[in-house]
Every structure is written in structure tokens, then in C-alpha cells.
Amino acid sequence: MPLDNNIYRVLLNSDWQLADLYTFPHAFSQTYAFVYCLDSELDPRDRDRINTALTNYPWKGGYSYVNIYTVLQNQVPPPERPKIYSIQKSSPGWLDLILNVDVAIQVAKSVGVLLGTAAAATKTYSSIQKNLSDLNVHRHKNNLQNTKLTQAEIKTMMSMSNDIAKHLGFKNVVHQTFPWVT
């Protein structure tokens, strides 16, 4: 909930554990950076760096994902990065953050939409994973490590990417050129 021009309040219920004081800020920071850089009206510091990371990382899990969030977080200008303003842990408790409130509201809306459409988003995500798995099996079966997607496969993957972005509530779907697309 927005309080001031640059303060956003997150309500804390009584069920928080010590680990939650790491988990929530970590997940929020990553989501905030993602929305700030890829789905807001704001300009990150270096859009070319983001595009390079999105197109050149191997995307095989692990550090590719960790590193992309590091790149995104570093592209949020320092004055716009979330910082703790205050914490109150009594009933009701709260965590006040100094940040770009518009981006925080967009994050909250996306999380709300995701919770409301989790089944549809999960189904779309499963379809994307199945298509990628099928492509990988085809590559290994034919010993073709650098197989490019066909135009029909590209169209299908872009359509599914648009679907999952809509399920998550994003208003701008970023179309990138990926290494596996011809």
C-alpha cells in the first residue's frame, strides 16, 4: 500500500518466521528489478546490457538465472532500488520500503493476478516446458545440438510466452531475439 511518494508499506501478519526476513526481501527485490527493467515505463540504466544478458546467457538453469537477476538489479538506478525505511513487528506489523511506488504497485498487482490465475499460468508454463523438452529430445535423438526452431515452433513459443505474460499481469510483452531462433 502506498503511503508517500516513495514509501510503500508491506503488511506483516503474526506468522512470520526468521527465515521470512530473508525470503521475502530477496524475492521482492528480484521481482521488483524484473518489473522495473522489463515491464514498466521507466528506463533502466543500460537496456543494451539487459538485452545482451537475455540473448547470450546459456539458460540451462543455475547461475544463468542468478546472474540475470543480478544484471536486472544493477540496472535499477540506485535511488529507485528498494531500501528499508522502517519495520514494525506488532499487531498489525509492517515493513515500509523506500522505492518507486508505481513499480511496487505493479509487482503487487502481478502477484495478485498470479495467485488468481495460478492454474492457467501453471498449465501454460507446463506447455512451454514440454515443448522445450521435446525440442531437446529431438536434438539429442538426431545429434543436432544447434537445431534451430522452425517458424511454426517460434510462433507457438511466442504465443505461449505471451499467454504466460498475460497470466502474470504484464502489460508489455518484450519480444527478444534468442540464440535458438533463426
Protein backbone atom coordinates (compact mmCIF):
# COMPACT_ATOMS: atom_id res chain seq x y z
CA MET A 1 0.00 0.00 0.00
CA PRO A 2 1.46 3.38 -0.98
CA LEU A 3 1.99 5.84 1.88
CA ASP A 4 4.01 8.65 0.40
CA ASN A 5 5.60 9.48 -2.95
CA ASN A 6 8.36 6.95 -2.39
CA ILE A 7 7.30 4.80 0.61
CA TYR A 8 5.43 1.53 0.15
CA ARG A 9 4.06 -0.43 3.13
CA VAL A 10 4.02 -4.21 3.23
CA LEU A 11 1.76 -5.53 5.98
CA LEU A 12 3.22 -8.24 8.22
CA ASN A 13 0.96 -10.78 9.84
CA SER A 14 1.87 -12.64 13.02
CA ASP A 15 3.05 -15.78 11.22
CA TRP A 16 6.47 -14.53 10.09
CA GLN A 17 9.48 -16.70 10.84
CA LEU A 18 13.08 -15.51 10.98
CA ALA A 19 13.73 -17.04 7.53
CA ASP A 20 10.92 -14.88 6.12
CA LEU A 21 13.05 -11.79 6.78
CA TYR A 22 15.41 -13.16 4.09
CA THR A 23 12.95 -14.88 1.76
CA PHE A 24 10.50 -12.01 1.27
CA PRO A 25 13.05 -9.21 0.61
CA HIS A 26 15.05 -11.49 -1.70
CA ALA A 27 12.01 -12.50 -3.79
CA PHE A 28 10.61 -8.95 -3.74
CA SER A 29 13.94 -7.43 -4.87
CA GLN A 30 14.18 -9.85 -7.79
CA THR A 31 10.57 -9.29 -8.83
CA TYR A 32 10.88 -5.51 -8.45
CA ALA A 33 14.02 -5.47 -10.66
CA PHE A 34 12.31 -7.68 -13.26
CA VAL A 35 9.23 -5.45 -13.44
CA TYR A 36 11.30 -2.24 -13.34
CA CYS A 37 13.52 -3.33 -16.25
CA LEU A 38 11.10 -5.28 -18.42
CA ASP A 39 7.55 -4.18 -17.75
CA SER A 40 7.45 -0.59 -16.53
CA GLU A 41 7.54 2.78 -18.24
CA LEU A 42 10.87 3.51 -16.52
CA ASP A 43 14.22 3.25 -18.26
CA PRO A 44 16.83 1.01 -16.69
CA ARG A 45 20.39 2.33 -16.67
CA ASP A 46 21.63 0.14 -19.56
CA ARG A 47 18.98 -1.56 -21.71
CA ASP A 48 21.71 -2.96 -24.01
CA ARG A 49 23.25 -4.81 -21.04
CA ILE A 50 19.88 -6.39 -20.28
CA ASN A 51 19.35 -7.44 -23.91
CA THR A 52 22.87 -8.89 -24.06
CA ALA A 53 22.25 -10.91 -20.91
CA LEU A 54 18.88 -12.16 -22.17
CA THR A 55 20.27 -13.26 -25.51
CA ASN A 56 23.74 -14.52 -24.55
CA TYR A 57 23.25 -16.43 -21.29
CA PRO A 58 23.13 -20.23 -21.73
CA TRP A 59 19.73 -20.54 -19.92
CA LYS A 60 20.38 -24.04 -18.66
CA GLY A 61 19.45 -23.25 -15.07
CA GLY A 62 21.58 -22.46 -12.06
CA TYR A 63 23.79 -19.41 -12.40
CA SER A 64 22.11 -18.16 -15.60
CA TYR A 65 19.03 -17.34 -13.53
CA VAL A 66 21.01 -15.97 -10.58
CA ASN A 67 23.08 -13.81 -12.91
CA ILE A 68 20.13 -12.37 -14.84
CA TYR A 69 18.58 -11.10 -11.61
CA THR A 70 21.94 -9.57 -10.67
CA VAL A 71 22.05 -7.83 -14.06
CA LEU A 72 18.47 -6.59 -13.65
CA GLN A 73 19.02 -5.38 -10.08
CA ASN A 74 22.14 -3.48 -11.17
CA GLN A 75 20.15 -1.73 -13.93
CA VAL A 76 17.74 -0.16 -11.45
CA PRO A 77 19.16 3.30 -10.68
CA PRO A 78 20.38 3.45 -7.02
CA PRO A 79 17.74 5.99 -5.89
CA GLU A 80 15.00 3.66 -7.22
CA ARG A 81 16.30 0.48 -5.50
CA PRO A 82 14.21 -0.75 -2.56
CA LYS A 83 15.56 0.28 0.85
CA ILE A 84 14.08 -0.32 4.28
CA TYR A 85 12.55 2.83 5.75
CA SER A 86 11.06 1.23 8.87
CA ILE A 87 9.90 -2.07 10.34
CA GLN A 88 7.24 -2.53 12.99
CA LYS A 89 6.53 -6.06 14.19
CA SER A 90 3.48 -5.87 16.40
CA SER A 91 -0.11 -6.48 15.56
CA PRO A 92 -0.52 -5.16 12.93
CA GLY A 93 3.06 -5.07 11.76
CA TRP A 94 4.56 -3.56 8.64
CA LEU A 95 7.67 -3.09 6.58
CA ASP A 96 8.00 0.33 4.95
CA LEU A 97 10.18 0.44 1.85
CA ILE A 98 11.60 3.45 0.02
CA LEU A 99 11.35 2.71 -3.69
CA ASN A 100 9.45 3.57 -6.85
CA VAL A 101 5.88 3.10 -5.63
CA ASP A 102 4.47 2.64 -9.14
CA VAL A 103 6.75 -0.35 -9.71
CA ALA A 104 5.86 -1.79 -6.27
CA ILE A 105 2.15 -1.48 -7.11
CA GLN A 106 2.79 -3.23 -10.43
CA VAL A 107 4.59 -6.04 -8.55
CA ALA A 108 1.66 -6.35 -6.11
CA LYS A 109 -0.85 -6.48 -8.97
CA SER A 110 1.23 -9.13 -10.79
CA VAL A 111 1.41 -11.27 -7.65
CA GLY A 112 -2.35 -10.88 -7.14
CA VAL A 113 -3.05 -11.81 -10.75
CA LEU A 114 -0.68 -14.78 -10.50
CA LEU A 115 -2.44 -16.03 -7.38
CA GLY A 116 -5.78 -15.64 -9.13
CA THR A 117 -4.68 -17.38 -12.32
CA ALA A 118 -2.17 -19.87 -10.95
CA ALA A 119 -3.81 -22.86 -12.60
CA ALA A 120 -3.86 -21.29 -16.08
CA ALA A 121 -0.31 -19.95 -15.72
CA THR A 122 0.91 -23.34 -14.49
CA LYS A 123 -0.71 -25.07 -17.47
CA THR A 124 0.89 -22.61 -19.90
CA TYR A 125 4.27 -22.97 -18.17
CA SER A 126 3.97 -26.77 -18.38
CA SER A 127 3.27 -26.50 -22.12
CA ILE A 128 6.36 -24.34 -22.59
CA GLN A 129 8.49 -26.81 -20.59
CA LYS A 130 7.09 -29.75 -22.60
CA ASN A 131 7.88 -28.04 -25.91
CA LEU A 132 11.42 -27.24 -24.78
CA SER A 133 11.85 -30.81 -23.54
CA ASP A 134 10.57 -32.22 -26.84
CA LEU A 135 12.99 -29.97 -28.74
CA ASN A 136 15.85 -31.13 -26.54
CA VAL A 137 14.92 -34.81 -27.09
CA HIS A 138 14.76 -34.18 -30.84
CA ARG A 139 18.20 -32.54 -30.78
CA HIS A 140 19.78 -35.40 -28.85
CA LYS A 141 17.99 -38.06 -30.91
CA ASN A 142 19.28 -36.56 -34.14
CA ASN A 143 22.59 -35.46 -32.67
CA LEU A 144 21.82 -31.89 -33.70
CA GLN A 145 23.00 -29.65 -30.88
CA ASN A 146 22.43 -26.45 -32.83
CA THR A 147 18.98 -27.22 -34.23
CA LYS A 148 17.07 -24.02 -34.87
CA LEU A 149 13.38 -23.63 -34.20
CA THR A 150 11.06 -23.72 -37.19
CA GLN A 151 8.85 -20.70 -37.86
CA ALA A 152 5.84 -22.67 -36.55
CA GLU A 153 7.73 -23.56 -33.35
CA ILE A 154 8.77 -19.92 -32.92
CA LYS A 155 5.17 -18.80 -33.37
CA THR A 156 3.96 -21.39 -30.83
CA MET A 157 6.63 -20.46 -28.27
CA MET A 158 5.96 -16.72 -28.68
CA SER A 159 2.22 -17.32 -28.30
CA MET A 160 2.78 -19.32 -25.12
CA SER A 161 5.19 -16.67 -23.82
CA ASN A 162 2.55 -14.01 -24.46
CA ASP A 163 -0.05 -16.17 -22.68
CA ILE A 164 2.07 -16.64 -19.56
CA ALA A 165 2.98 -12.93 -19.52
CA LYS A 166 -0.72 -12.04 -19.66
CA HIS A 167 -1.46 -14.54 -16.85
CA LEU A 168 1.16 -12.75 -14.76
CA GLY A 169 -0.46 -9.40 -15.49
CA PHE A 170 2.34 -7.85 -17.55
CA LYS A 171 1.20 -5.14 -19.88
CA ASN A 172 4.30 -5.12 -22.08
CA VAL A 173 5.49 -8.39 -23.54
CA VAL A 174 9.12 -7.96 -24.52
CA HIS A 175 9.99 -9.72 -27.76
CA GLN A 176 13.65 -10.65 -27.76
CA THR A 177 15.70 -12.47 -30.34
CA PHE A 178 17.02 -15.61 -28.74
CA PRO A 179 20.03 -17.65 -29.90
CA TRP A 180 17.84 -20.65 -30.75
CA VAL A 181 15.60 -18.61 -33.07
CA THR A 182 16.59 -18.32 -36.72
